[in-house]
Amino acid sequence: MAEEGGAAESTGTVIVAGAANLAIAAAKLIAGLISGSSAMMSEAAHSLADTTTEVLLFTALRRGIQPADERHPFGYGKESYVWAFIAAVFTFVAGAGFSVTHGVTTIRSGEHSGDYTVSYVVLGVSFVLESISLTRAVRQVRASATRWRVTPARFLLVTPDTTIKAVFLEDSAALVGLLLAATGLGLAQATGDALWDGLASVAIGLLLLVAATTLARTNISLLVGRAATPRIRRMIVEELSGIPHVERIDTVLTMQLGPTDVLVAAKVDFADDASGAEIEEAADVAERRLRDRYAGIRYVFLDPTRRRG
């Protein structure tokens, strides 16, 4: 599901999310050091990991839009998935790893010192900033889903633009993480037992683990060479079947070359009496029709095939 202008919109979403996460990370770190809260330190690591992730996603967007050249005739779209995968791995190692380890240490030591008030203030401010970032991501997801006449959930599931998917998941996980941290702090303060603070930290780490795993799997699938959505494939078959001299479509293969580029290859049975010139014209018509119907289609290859049997 690629779309014109999507890259620019995703870049803006990533920049907003990165700026918000950087400010939040600094505030959480200060609050964690002052309060001695394991959950706050985990949240600081969470936001720092998210900030680094946004930098990697920005790199993915910039590298992925490089024009095709002799060494890379289909462009650099798949490089965006490499950087997005690295971002997911970083979230897994730096965010989830630190949070779980720090939480387990707090559970074992049972130590907590410092004032809780500053942590609550930072959590509240962070919730507002993360909500602003998530609102922008949700707005982009809904707009894209409306254009494609699918639900936002369906759009997130099938979109090849993993940057917007990453921002949406990270911001959603961040808001849940803030609630977990606040709950852990509240229970630790109420009971005087730092166990709850440590458990909140572990829960935040597991939350990051789920988000990182989801993003990693998505990017691996696209790196391997994921096909376009069934809806786009049906549209391709429909358009090819309506071209003059085309009698049957034997095979249609598609591959997502990047967030905005799709390759189409098809085995087409042309009429036996069609001349070479007519087949060439049909191929030109096919390319124009497919690109007019779906702007993301960049390459169309038709293989004239005899009728089987």
C-alpha atoms as a PDB file:
ATOM      1  CA  MET A   1       0.000   0.000   0.000  1.00  0.00           C
ATOM      2  CA  ALA A   2       2.178   2.777  -1.220  1.00  0.00           C
ATOM      3  CA  GLU A   3       0.945   6.231  -1.943  1.00  0.00           C
ATOM      4  CA  GLU A   4       2.194   9.503  -3.320  1.00  0.00           C
ATOM      5  CA  GLY A   5       3.365  11.915  -0.670  1.00  0.00           C
ATOM      6  CA  GLY A   6       3.510   9.123   1.878  1.00  0.00           C
ATOM      7  CA  ALA A   7       7.271   9.374   2.322  1.00  0.00           C
ATOM      8  CA  ALA A   8       7.131  13.099   3.132  1.00  0.00           C
ATOM      9  CA  GLU A   9       4.264  12.549   5.568  1.00  0.00           C
ATOM     10  CA  SER A  10       6.112   9.688   7.257  1.00  0.00           C
ATOM     11  CA  THR A  11       9.254  11.823   7.554  1.00  0.00           C
ATOM     12  CA  GLY A  12       7.286  14.502   9.392  1.00  0.00           C
ATOM     13  CA  THR A  13       5.776  11.912  11.715  1.00  0.00           C
ATOM     14  CA  VAL A  14       9.212  10.463  12.502  1.00  0.00           C
ATOM     15  CA  ILE A  15      10.706  13.908  13.207  1.00  0.00           C
ATOM     16  CA  VAL A  16       7.877  14.837  15.589  1.00  0.00           C
ATOM     17  CA  ALA A  17       8.198  11.510  17.407  1.00  0.00           C
ATOM     18  CA  GLY A  18      11.990  11.808  17.641  1.00  0.00           C
ATOM     19  CA  ALA A  19      11.903  15.326  19.080  1.00  0.00           C
ATOM     20  CA  ALA A  20       9.272  14.337  21.649  1.00  0.00           C
ATOM     21  CA  ASN A  21      11.183  11.212  22.688  1.00  0.00           C
ATOM     22  CA  LEU A  22      14.464  13.103  23.131  1.00  0.00           C
ATOM     23  CA  ALA A  23      12.893  15.626  25.497  1.00  0.00           C
ATOM     24  CA  ILE A  24      11.053  12.883  27.372  1.00  0.00           C
ATOM     25  CA  ALA A  25      14.184  10.729  27.728  1.00  0.00           C
ATOM     26  CA  ALA A  26      16.104  13.569  29.383  1.00  0.00           C
ATOM     27  CA  ALA A  27      13.250  14.332  31.794  1.00  0.00           C
ATOM     28  CA  LYS A  28      12.789  10.672  32.749  1.00  0.00           C
ATOM     29  CA  LEU A  29      16.514  10.196  33.323  1.00  0.00           C
ATOM     30  CA  ILE A  30      16.628  13.155  35.709  1.00  0.00           C
ATOM     31  CA  ALA A  31      13.502  11.926  37.499  1.00  0.00           C
ATOM     32  CA  GLY A  32      14.901   8.406  37.736  1.00  0.00           C
ATOM     33  CA  LEU A  33      18.166   9.615  39.245  1.00  0.00           C
ATOM     34  CA  ILE A  34      16.379  11.845  41.749  1.00  0.00           C
ATOM     35  CA  SER A  35      13.728   9.325  42.791  1.00  0.00           C
ATOM     36  CA  GLY A  36      15.815   6.172  42.519  1.00  0.00           C
ATOM     37  CA  SER A  37      12.914   4.478  40.724  1.00  0.00           C
ATOM     38  CA  SER A  38      13.710   1.410  38.644  1.00  0.00           C
ATOM     39  CA  ALA A  39      10.584   1.949  36.538  1.00  0.00           C
ATOM     40  CA  MET A  40      11.592   5.550  35.801  1.00  0.00           C
ATOM     41  CA  MET A  41      15.085   4.471  34.745  1.00  0.00           C
ATOM     42  CA  SER A  42      13.507   1.833  32.509  1.00  0.00           C
ATOM     43  CA  GLU A  43      11.240   4.472  31.031  1.00  0.00           C
ATOM     44  CA  ALA A  44      14.299   6.673  30.403  1.00  0.00           C
ATOM     45  CA  ALA A  45      15.941   3.758  28.582  1.00  0.00           C
ATOM     46  CA  HIS A  46      12.667   3.208  26.721  1.00  0.00           C
ATOM     47  CA  SER A  47      12.539   6.807  25.486  1.00  0.00           C
ATOM     48  CA  LEU A  48      16.257   6.852  24.659  1.00  0.00           C
ATOM     49  CA  ALA A  49      15.799   3.672  22.605  1.00  0.00           C
ATOM     50  CA  ASP A  50      12.802   5.258  20.873  1.00  0.00           C
ATOM     51  CA  THR A  51      14.839   8.381  20.083  1.00  0.00           C
ATOM     52  CA  THR A  52      17.623   6.318  18.537  1.00  0.00           C
ATOM     53  CA  THR A  53      15.001   4.341  16.662  1.00  0.00           C
ATOM     54  CA  GLU A  54      13.559   7.528  15.167  1.00  0.00           C
ATOM     55  CA  VAL A  55      17.042   8.500  13.948  1.00  0.00           C
ATOM     56  CA  LEU A  56      17.401   5.092  12.297  1.00  0.00           C
ATOM     57  CA  LEU A  57      13.922   5.364  10.782  1.00  0.00           C
ATOM     58  CA  PHE A  58      14.765   8.808   9.414  1.00  0.00           C
ATOM     59  CA  THR A  59      17.880   7.267   7.863  1.00  0.00           C
ATOM     60  CA  ALA A  60      15.685   4.517   6.417  1.00  0.00           C
ATOM     61  CA  LEU A  61      13.419   7.078   4.768  1.00  0.00           C
ATOM     62  CA  ARG A  62      16.288   9.117   3.317  1.00  0.00           C
ATOM     63  CA  ARG A  63      18.257   6.112   2.058  1.00  0.00           C
ATOM     64  CA  GLY A  64      15.200   4.368   0.653  1.00  0.00           C
ATOM     65  CA  ILE A  65      14.281   7.178  -1.749  1.00  0.00           C
ATOM     66  CA  GLN A  66      17.603   7.229  -3.599  1.00  0.00           C
ATOM     67  CA  PRO A  67      17.077   6.860  -7.366  1.00  0.00           C
ATOM     68  CA  ALA A  68      17.922   3.646  -9.193  1.00  0.00           C
ATOM     69  CA  ASP A  69      21.397   3.327 -10.683  1.00  0.00           C
ATOM     70  CA  GLU A  70      23.416   0.770 -12.644  1.00  0.00           C
ATOM     71  CA  ARG A  71      24.290  -1.313  -9.569  1.00  0.00           C
ATOM     72  CA  HIS A  72      20.775  -1.104  -8.132  1.00  0.00           C
ATOM     73  CA  PRO A  73      18.412  -1.019 -11.139  1.00  0.00           C
ATOM     74  CA  PHE A  74      15.309  -1.382  -8.963  1.00  0.00           C
ATOM     75  CA  GLY A  75      16.313   1.405  -6.602  1.00  0.00           C
ATOM     76  CA  TYR A  76      17.157   1.436  -2.893  1.00  0.00           C
ATOM     77  CA  GLY A  77      13.694   0.931  -1.452  1.00  0.00           C
ATOM     78  CA  LYS A  78      14.606  -2.271   0.372  1.00  0.00           C
ATOM     79  CA  GLU A  79      17.435  -0.475   2.200  1.00  0.00           C
ATOM     80  CA  SER A  80      14.764   1.308   4.217  1.00  0.00           C
ATOM     81  CA  TYR A  81      13.774  -2.090   5.634  1.00  0.00           C
ATOM     82  CA  VAL A  82      17.389  -2.809   6.621  1.00  0.00           C
ATOM     83  CA  TRP A  83      17.549   0.346   8.743  1.00  0.00           C
ATOM     84  CA  ALA A  84      14.083  -0.269  10.131  1.00  0.00           C
ATOM     85  CA  PHE A  85      15.159  -3.786  11.127  1.00  0.00           C
ATOM     86  CA  ILE A  86      18.259  -2.387  12.868  1.00  0.00           C
ATOM     87  CA  ALA A  87      15.947   0.008  14.719  1.00  0.00           C
ATOM     88  CA  ALA A  88      13.821  -2.916  15.914  1.00  0.00           C
ATOM     89  CA  VAL A  89      16.907  -4.806  17.094  1.00  0.00           C
ATOM     90  CA  PHE A  90      18.165  -1.738  18.959  1.00  0.00           C
ATOM     91  CA  THR A  91      14.825  -1.411  20.731  1.00  0.00           C
ATOM     92  CA  PHE A  92      15.066  -5.075  21.693  1.00  0.00           C
ATOM     93  CA  VAL A  93      18.628  -4.886  23.034  1.00  0.00           C
ATOM     94  CA  ALA A  94      18.836  -1.390  24.527  1.00  0.00           C
ATOM     95  CA  GLY A  95      15.259  -0.874  25.645  1.00  0.00           C
ATOM     96  CA  ALA A  96      13.897  -4.293  26.584  1.00  0.00           C
ATOM     97  CA  GLY A  97      17.218  -5.684  27.798  1.00  0.00           C
ATOM     98  CA  PHE A  98      17.964  -2.773  30.114  1.00  0.00           C
ATOM     99  CA  SER A  99      14.432  -2.587  31.495  1.00  0.00           C
ATOM    100  CA  VAL A 100      14.195  -6.280  32.363  1.00  0.00           C
ATOM    101  CA  THR A 101      17.706  -6.418  33.838  1.00  0.00           C
ATOM    102  CA  HIS A 102      17.233  -3.268  35.907  1.00  0.00           C
ATOM    103  CA  GLY A 103      13.831  -4.442  37.100  1.00  0.00           C
ATOM    104  CA  VAL A 104      15.167  -7.824  38.209  1.00  0.00           C
ATOM    105  CA  THR A 105      17.986  -6.077  40.089  1.00  0.00           C
ATOM    106  CA  THR A 106      15.465  -3.893  41.933  1.00  0.00           C
ATOM    107  CA  ILE A 107      13.292  -6.915  42.810  1.00  0.00           C
ATOM    108  CA  ARG A 108      16.288  -8.737  44.245  1.00  0.00           C
ATOM    109  CA  SER A 109      17.711  -5.789  46.178  1.00  0.00           C
ATOM    110  CA  GLY A 110      14.373  -4.303  47.285  1.00  0.00           C
ATOM    111  CA  GLU A 111      15.973  -0.861  47.494  1.00  0.00           C
ATOM    112  CA  HIS A 112      14.286   2.412  46.606  1.00  0.00           C
ATOM    113  CA  SER A 113      15.183   5.910  47.663  1.00  0.00           C
ATOM    114  CA  GLY A 114      14.245   9.447  46.768  1.00  0.00           C
ATOM    115  CA  ASP A 115      11.132  11.534  46.212  1.00  0.00           C
ATOM    116  CA  TYR A 116       8.227  10.136  44.178  1.00  0.00           C
ATOM    117  CA  THR A 117       6.724  13.525  43.334  1.00  0.00           C
ATOM    118  CA  VAL A 118       9.156  14.428  40.560  1.00  0.00           C
ATOM    119  CA  SER A 119       8.526  11.054  38.915  1.00  0.00           C
ATOM    120  CA  TYR A 120       4.775  11.616  38.836  1.00  0.00           C
ATOM    121  CA  VAL A 121       5.244  15.072  37.324  1.00  0.00           C
ATOM    122  CA  VAL A 122       7.555  13.752  34.599  1.00  0.00           C
ATOM    123  CA  LEU A 123       5.217  10.861  33.861  1.00  0.00           C
ATOM    124  CA  GLY A 124       2.314  13.266  33.438  1.00  0.00           C
ATOM    125  CA  VAL A 125       4.234  15.593  31.116  1.00  0.00           C
ATOM    126  CA  SER A 126       5.579  12.621  29.174  1.00  0.00           C
ATOM    127  CA  PHE A 127       2.063  11.261  28.716  1.00  0.00           C
ATOM    128  CA  VAL A 128       0.987  14.560  27.146  1.00  0.00           C
ATOM    129  CA  LEU A 129       3.983  14.701  24.783  1.00  0.00           C
ATOM    130  CA  GLU A 130       3.647  11.048  23.765  1.00  0.00           C
ATOM    131  CA  SER A 131      -0.062  11.597  23.145  1.00  0.00           C
ATOM    132  CA  ILE A 132       0.749  14.464  20.763  1.00  0.00           C
ATOM    133  CA  SER A 133       3.178  12.274  18.828  1.00  0.00           C
ATOM    134  CA  LEU A 134       0.727   9.364  18.732  1.00  0.00           C
ATOM    135  CA  THR A 135      -2.074  11.668  17.565  1.00  0.00           C
ATOM    136  CA  ARG A 136      -0.051  12.621  14.492  1.00  0.00           C
ATOM    137  CA  ALA A 137       0.698   8.966  13.753  1.00  0.00           C
ATOM    138  CA  VAL A 138      -2.959   7.997  14.185  1.00  0.00           C
ATOM    139  CA  ARG A 139      -4.023  10.836  11.902  1.00  0.00           C
ATOM    140  CA  GLN A 140      -1.684   9.578   9.172  1.00  0.00           C
ATOM    141  CA  VAL A 141      -2.836   5.978   9.621  1.00  0.00           C
ATOM    142  CA  ARG A 142      -6.517   6.947   9.449  1.00  0.00           C
ATOM    143  CA  ALA A 143      -6.017   9.144   6.391  1.00  0.00           C
ATOM    144  CA  SER A 144      -4.158   6.390   4.567  1.00  0.00           C
ATOM    145  CA  ALA A 145      -6.705   3.776   5.601  1.00  0.00           C
ATOM    146  CA  THR A 146      -9.534   5.992   4.333  1.00  0.00           C
ATOM    147  CA  ARG A 147      -7.842   6.449   0.966  1.00  0.00           C
ATOM    148  CA  TRP A 148      -7.493   2.695   0.638  1.00  0.00           C
ATOM    149  CA  ARG A 149     -10.989   2.025   2.009  1.00  0.00           C
ATOM    150  CA  VAL A 150      -9.716  -0.309   4.719  1.00  0.00           C
ATOM    151  CA  THR A 151      -9.750  -0.178   8.495  1.00  0.00           C
ATOM    152  CA  PRO A 152      -6.785   1.424  10.285  1.00  0.00           C
ATOM    153  CA  ALA A 153      -5.944  -1.970  11.805  1.00  0.00           C
ATOM    154  CA  ARG A 154      -5.873  -3.560   8.352  1.00  0.00           C
ATOM    155  CA  PHE A 155      -3.714  -0.743   7.013  1.00  0.00           C
ATOM    156  CA  LEU A 156      -1.153  -1.215   9.788  1.00  0.00           C
ATOM    157  CA  LEU A 157      -1.115  -4.946   9.114  1.00  0.00           C
ATOM    158  CA  VAL A 158      -0.368  -4.753   5.376  1.00  0.00           C
ATOM    159  CA  THR A 159       1.333  -1.390   4.790  1.00  0.00           C
ATOM    160  CA  PRO A 160       4.901  -1.592   3.419  1.00  0.00           C
ATOM    161  CA  ASP A 161       5.671   1.759   5.073  1.00  0.00           C
ATOM    162  CA  THR A 162       7.230   0.304   8.209  1.00  0.00           C
ATOM    163  CA  THR A 163       8.257   3.735   9.508  1.00  0.00           C
ATOM    164  CA  ILE A 164       4.705   4.828  10.264  1.00  0.00           C
ATOM    165  CA  LYS A 165       3.998   1.381  11.693  1.00  0.00           C
ATOM    166  CA  ALA A 166       7.074   1.677  13.928  1.00  0.00           C
ATOM    167  CA  VAL A 167       6.115   5.147  15.192  1.00  0.00           C
ATOM    168  CA  PHE A 168       2.554   4.016  15.906  1.00  0.00           C
ATOM    169  CA  LEU A 169       3.690   0.940  17.840  1.00  0.00           C
ATOM    170  CA  GLU A 170       6.410   2.821  19.724  1.00  0.00           C
ATOM    171  CA  ASP A 171       4.127   5.649  20.789  1.00  0.00           C
ATOM    172  CA  SER A 172       1.395   3.210  21.788  1.00  0.00           C
ATOM    173  CA  ALA A 173       3.902   1.149  23.772  1.00  0.00           C
ATOM    174  CA  ALA A 174       5.240   4.353  25.339  1.00  0.00           C
ATOM    175  CA  LEU A 175       1.815   5.353  26.655  1.00  0.00           C
ATOM    176  CA  VAL A 176       1.223   1.872  28.074  1.00  0.00           C
ATOM    177  CA  GLY A 177       4.717   1.951  29.575  1.00  0.00           C
ATOM    178  CA  LEU A 178       3.977   5.255  31.297  1.00  0.00           C
ATOM    179  CA  LEU A 179       0.843   3.766  32.851  1.00  0.00           C
ATOM    180  CA  LEU A 180       2.839   0.732  34.004  1.00  0.00           C
ATOM    181  CA  ALA A 181       5.503   2.970  35.525  1.00  0.00           C
ATOM    182  CA  ALA A 182       2.908   5.096  37.314  1.00  0.00           C
ATOM    183  CA  THR A 183       1.187   1.976  38.652  1.00  0.00           C
ATOM    184  CA  GLY A 184       4.467   0.519  39.874  1.00  0.00           C
ATOM    185  CA  LEU A 185       5.464   3.748  41.567  1.00  0.00           C
ATOM    186  CA  GLY A 186       2.057   4.136  43.190  1.00  0.00           C
ATOM    187  CA  LEU A 187       2.058   0.600  44.581  1.00  0.00           C
ATOM    188  CA  ALA A 188       5.656   0.929  45.766  1.00  0.00           C
ATOM    189  CA  GLN A 189       4.831   4.175  47.558  1.00  0.00           C
ATOM    190  CA  ALA A 190       1.624   2.800  49.058  1.00  0.00           C
ATOM    191  CA  THR A 191       3.153  -0.465  50.294  1.00  0.00           C
ATOM    192  CA  GLY A 192       6.690   0.665  50.935  1.00  0.00           C
ATOM    193  CA  ASP A 193       7.867  -2.329  48.888  1.00  0.00           C
ATOM    194  CA  ALA A 194      10.148  -1.674  45.885  1.00  0.00           C
ATOM    195  CA  LEU A 195       9.032  -5.025  44.437  1.00  0.00           C
ATOM    196  CA  TRP A 196       6.238  -3.253  42.565  1.00  0.00           C
ATOM    197  CA  ASP A 197       8.669  -0.762  41.063  1.00  0.00           C
ATOM    198  CA  GLY A 198      10.852  -3.616  39.834  1.00  0.00           C
ATOM    199  CA  LEU A 199       7.881  -5.534  38.424  1.00  0.00           C
ATOM    200  CA  ALA A 200       6.784  -2.435  36.518  1.00  0.00           C
ATOM    201  CA  SER A 201      10.272  -2.181  35.034  1.00  0.00           C
ATOM    202  CA  VAL A 202      10.162  -5.832  33.912  1.00  0.00           C
ATOM    203  CA  ALA A 203       6.689  -5.307  32.414  1.00  0.00           C
ATOM    204  CA  ILE A 204       7.975  -2.315  30.445  1.00  0.00           C
ATOM    205  CA  GLY A 205      10.826  -4.444  29.128  1.00  0.00           C
ATOM    206  CA  LEU A 206       8.432  -7.197  28.015  1.00  0.00           C
ATOM    207  CA  LEU A 207       6.247  -4.588  26.338  1.00  0.00           C
ATOM    208  CA  LEU A 208       9.249  -3.341  24.365  1.00  0.00           C
ATOM    209  CA  LEU A 209      10.136  -6.920  23.500  1.00  0.00           C
ATOM    210  CA  VAL A 210       6.716  -7.463  21.903  1.00  0.00           C
ATOM    211  CA  ALA A 211       6.929  -4.207  19.907  1.00  0.00           C
ATOM    212  CA  ALA A 212      10.485  -4.926  18.718  1.00  0.00           C
ATOM    213  CA  THR A 213       9.638  -8.499  17.697  1.00  0.00           C
ATOM    214  CA  THR A 214       6.588  -7.340  15.723  1.00  0.00           C
ATOM    215  CA  LEU A 215       8.609  -4.735  13.822  1.00  0.00           C
ATOM    216  CA  ALA A 216      11.509  -7.115  13.205  1.00  0.00           C
ATOM    217  CA  ARG A 217       9.222  -9.773  11.711  1.00  0.00           C
ATOM    218  CA  THR A 218       7.547  -7.225   9.436  1.00  0.00           C
ATOM    219  CA  ASN A 219      10.849  -5.919   8.094  1.00  0.00           C
ATOM    220  CA  ILE A 220      12.272  -9.411   7.591  1.00  0.00           C
ATOM    221  CA  SER A 221       9.219 -10.329   5.518  1.00  0.00           C
ATOM    222  CA  LEU A 222       9.674  -7.241   3.328  1.00  0.00           C
ATOM    223  CA  LEU A 223      13.422  -7.816   2.984  1.00  0.00           C
ATOM    224  CA  VAL A 224      12.845 -11.383   1.809  1.00  0.00           C
ATOM    225  CA  GLY A 225      10.458 -10.077  -0.847  1.00  0.00           C
ATOM    226  CA  ARG A 226       6.835  -9.795   0.245  1.00  0.00           C
ATOM    227  CA  ALA A 227       4.125  -9.722  -2.404  1.00  0.00           C
ATOM    228  CA  ALA A 228       1.733  -6.821  -2.823  1.00  0.00           C
ATOM    229  CA  THR A 229      -1.612  -7.159  -1.075  1.00  0.00           C
ATOM    230  CA  PRO A 230      -4.288  -9.504  -2.501  1.00  0.00           C
ATOM    231  CA  ARG A 231      -6.384  -6.451  -3.315  1.00  0.00           C
ATOM    232  CA  ILE A 232      -3.651  -4.990  -5.520  1.00  0.00           C
ATOM    233  CA  ARG A 233      -3.103  -8.368  -7.167  1.00  0.00           C
ATOM    234  CA  ARG A 234      -6.815  -8.631  -8.014  1.00  0.00           C
ATOM    235  CA  MET A 235      -6.680  -5.143  -9.504  1.00  0.00           C
ATOM    236  CA  ILE A 236      -3.676  -6.148 -11.642  1.00  0.00           C
ATOM    237  CA  VAL A 237      -5.460  -9.247 -12.973  1.00  0.00           C
ATOM    238  CA  GLU A 238      -8.573  -7.186 -13.685  1.00  0.00           C
ATOM    239  CA  GLU A 239      -6.663  -4.555 -15.657  1.00  0.00           C
ATOM    240  CA  LEU A 240      -4.555  -7.057 -17.618  1.00  0.00           C
ATOM    241  CA  SER A 241      -7.609  -9.135 -18.504  1.00  0.00           C
ATOM    242  CA  GLY A 242      -9.278  -6.102 -20.072  1.00  0.00           C
ATOM    243  CA  ILE A 243      -6.409  -5.287 -22.465  1.00  0.00           C
ATOM    244  CA  PRO A 244      -7.022  -5.992 -26.178  1.00  0.00           C
ATOM    245  CA  HIS A 245      -5.591  -9.301 -27.503  1.00  0.00           C
ATOM    246  CA  VAL A 246      -5.169 -10.708 -23.981  1.00  0.00           C
ATOM    247  CA  GLU A 247      -7.046 -14.022 -23.639  1.00  0.00           C
ATOM    248  CA  ARG A 248      -5.853 -15.265 -20.279  1.00  0.00           C
ATOM    249  CA  ILE A 249      -3.554 -14.422 -17.366  1.00  0.00           C
ATOM    250  CA  ASP A 250      -1.637 -17.543 -16.357  1.00  0.00           C
ATOM    251  CA  THR A 251       0.551 -16.159 -13.565  1.00  0.00           C
ATOM    252  CA  VAL A 252       0.887 -12.849 -11.737  1.00  0.00           C
ATOM    253  CA  LEU A 253       3.874 -12.260  -9.468  1.00  0.00           C
ATOM    254  CA  THR A 254       4.368  -9.101  -7.426  1.00  0.00           C
ATOM    255  CA  MET A 255       7.040  -7.907  -5.031  1.00  0.00           C
ATOM    256  CA  GLN A 256       7.273  -4.891  -2.750  1.00  0.00           C
ATOM    257  CA  LEU A 257      10.551  -3.179  -3.669  1.00  0.00           C
ATOM    258  CA  GLY A 258      10.194  -0.510  -1.007  1.00  0.00           C
ATOM    259  CA  PRO A 259       7.561   1.555   0.788  1.00  0.00           C
ATOM    260  CA  THR A 260       6.420   3.116  -2.500  1.00  0.00           C
ATOM    261  CA  ASP A 261       7.514   0.736  -5.289  1.00  0.00           C
ATOM    262  CA  VAL A 262       5.967  -2.485  -6.573  1.00  0.00           C
ATOM    263  CA  LEU A 263       7.261  -4.835  -9.267  1.00  0.00           C
ATOM    264  CA  VAL A 264       4.767  -6.761 -11.430  1.00  0.00           C
ATOM    265  CA  ALA A 265       5.640  -9.776 -13.593  1.00  0.00           C
ATOM    266  CA  ALA A 266       2.972 -11.773 -15.428  1.00  0.00           C
ATOM    267  CA  LYS A 267       2.690 -14.661 -17.874  1.00  0.00           C
ATOM    268  CA  VAL A 268       0.068 -13.591 -20.410  1.00  0.00           C
ATOM    269  CA  ASP A 269      -1.642 -15.673 -23.099  1.00  0.00           C
ATOM    270  CA  PHE A 270      -2.198 -13.409 -26.104  1.00  0.00           C
ATOM    271  CA  ALA A 271      -4.500 -14.206 -29.006  1.00  0.00           C
ATOM    272  CA  ASP A 272      -2.848 -16.494 -31.564  1.00  0.00           C
ATOM    273  CA  ASP A 273      -3.515 -14.044 -34.385  1.00  0.00           C
ATOM    274  CA  ALA A 274      -2.019 -11.067 -32.523  1.00  0.00           C
ATOM    275  CA  SER A 275       0.967  -9.581 -34.307  1.00  0.00           C
ATOM    276  CA  GLY A 276       4.238  -8.630 -32.653  1.00  0.00           C
ATOM    277  CA  ALA A 277       3.312  -4.956 -32.916  1.00  0.00           C
ATOM    278  CA  GLU A 278      -0.059  -5.570 -31.279  1.00  0.00           C
ATOM    279  CA  ILE A 279       1.568  -7.448 -28.413  1.00  0.00           C
ATOM    280  CA  GLU A 280       4.019  -4.588 -27.917  1.00  0.00           C
ATOM    281  CA  GLU A 281       1.138  -2.111 -27.895  1.00  0.00           C
ATOM    282  CA  ALA A 282      -0.753  -4.260 -25.391  1.00  0.00           C
ATOM    283  CA  ALA A 283       2.296  -4.275 -23.121  1.00  0.00           C
ATOM    284  CA  ASP A 284       2.504  -0.469 -23.257  1.00  0.00           C
ATOM    285  CA  VAL A 285      -1.221  -0.172 -22.527  1.00  0.00           C
ATOM    286  CA  ALA A 286      -0.871  -2.570 -19.581  1.00  0.00           C
ATOM    287  CA  GLU A 287       1.906  -0.506 -18.018  1.00  0.00           C
ATOM    288  CA  ARG A 288      -0.028   2.755 -18.420  1.00  0.00           C
ATOM    289  CA  ARG A 289      -3.245   1.324 -17.018  1.00  0.00           C
ATOM    290  CA  LEU A 290      -1.591  -0.251 -14.004  1.00  0.00           C
ATOM    291  CA  ARG A 291       0.338   2.897 -13.135  1.00  0.00           C
ATOM    292  CA  ASP A 292      -2.761   5.055 -13.553  1.00  0.00           C
ATOM    293  CA  ARG A 293      -4.726   2.715 -11.288  1.00  0.00           C
ATOM    294  CA  TYR A 294      -1.984   2.334  -8.684  1.00  0.00           C
ATOM    295  CA  ALA A 295       0.839   4.884  -8.552  1.00  0.00           C
ATOM    296  CA  GLY A 296       3.089   2.548  -6.582  1.00  0.00           C
ATOM    297  CA  ILE A 297       3.617   0.211  -9.548  1.00  0.00           C
ATOM    298  CA  ARG A 298       7.006   1.111 -11.023  1.00  0.00           C
ATOM    299  CA  TYR A 299       7.998  -1.933 -13.084  1.00  0.00           C
ATOM    300  CA  VAL A 300       5.782  -4.113 -15.292  1.00  0.00           C
ATOM    301  CA  PHE A 301       7.110  -7.168 -17.132  1.00  0.00           C
ATOM    302  CA  LEU A 302       4.825  -9.270 -19.350  1.00  0.00           C
ATOM    303  CA  ASP A 303       5.884 -12.673 -20.629  1.00  0.00           C
ATOM    304  CA  PRO A 304       3.842 -13.828 -23.678  1.00  0.00           C
ATOM    305  CA  THR A 305       2.942 -17.470 -23.016  1.00  0.00           C
ATOM    306  CA  ARG A 306       1.229 -20.115 -25.148  1.00  0.00           C
ATOM    307  CA  ARG A 307      -2.039 -21.561 -23.937  1.00  0.00           C
ATOM    308  CA  ARG A 308      -1.370 -24.653 -21.862  1.00  0.00           C
ATOM    309  CA  GLY A 309      -2.926 -27.916 -22.984  1.00  0.00           C
END
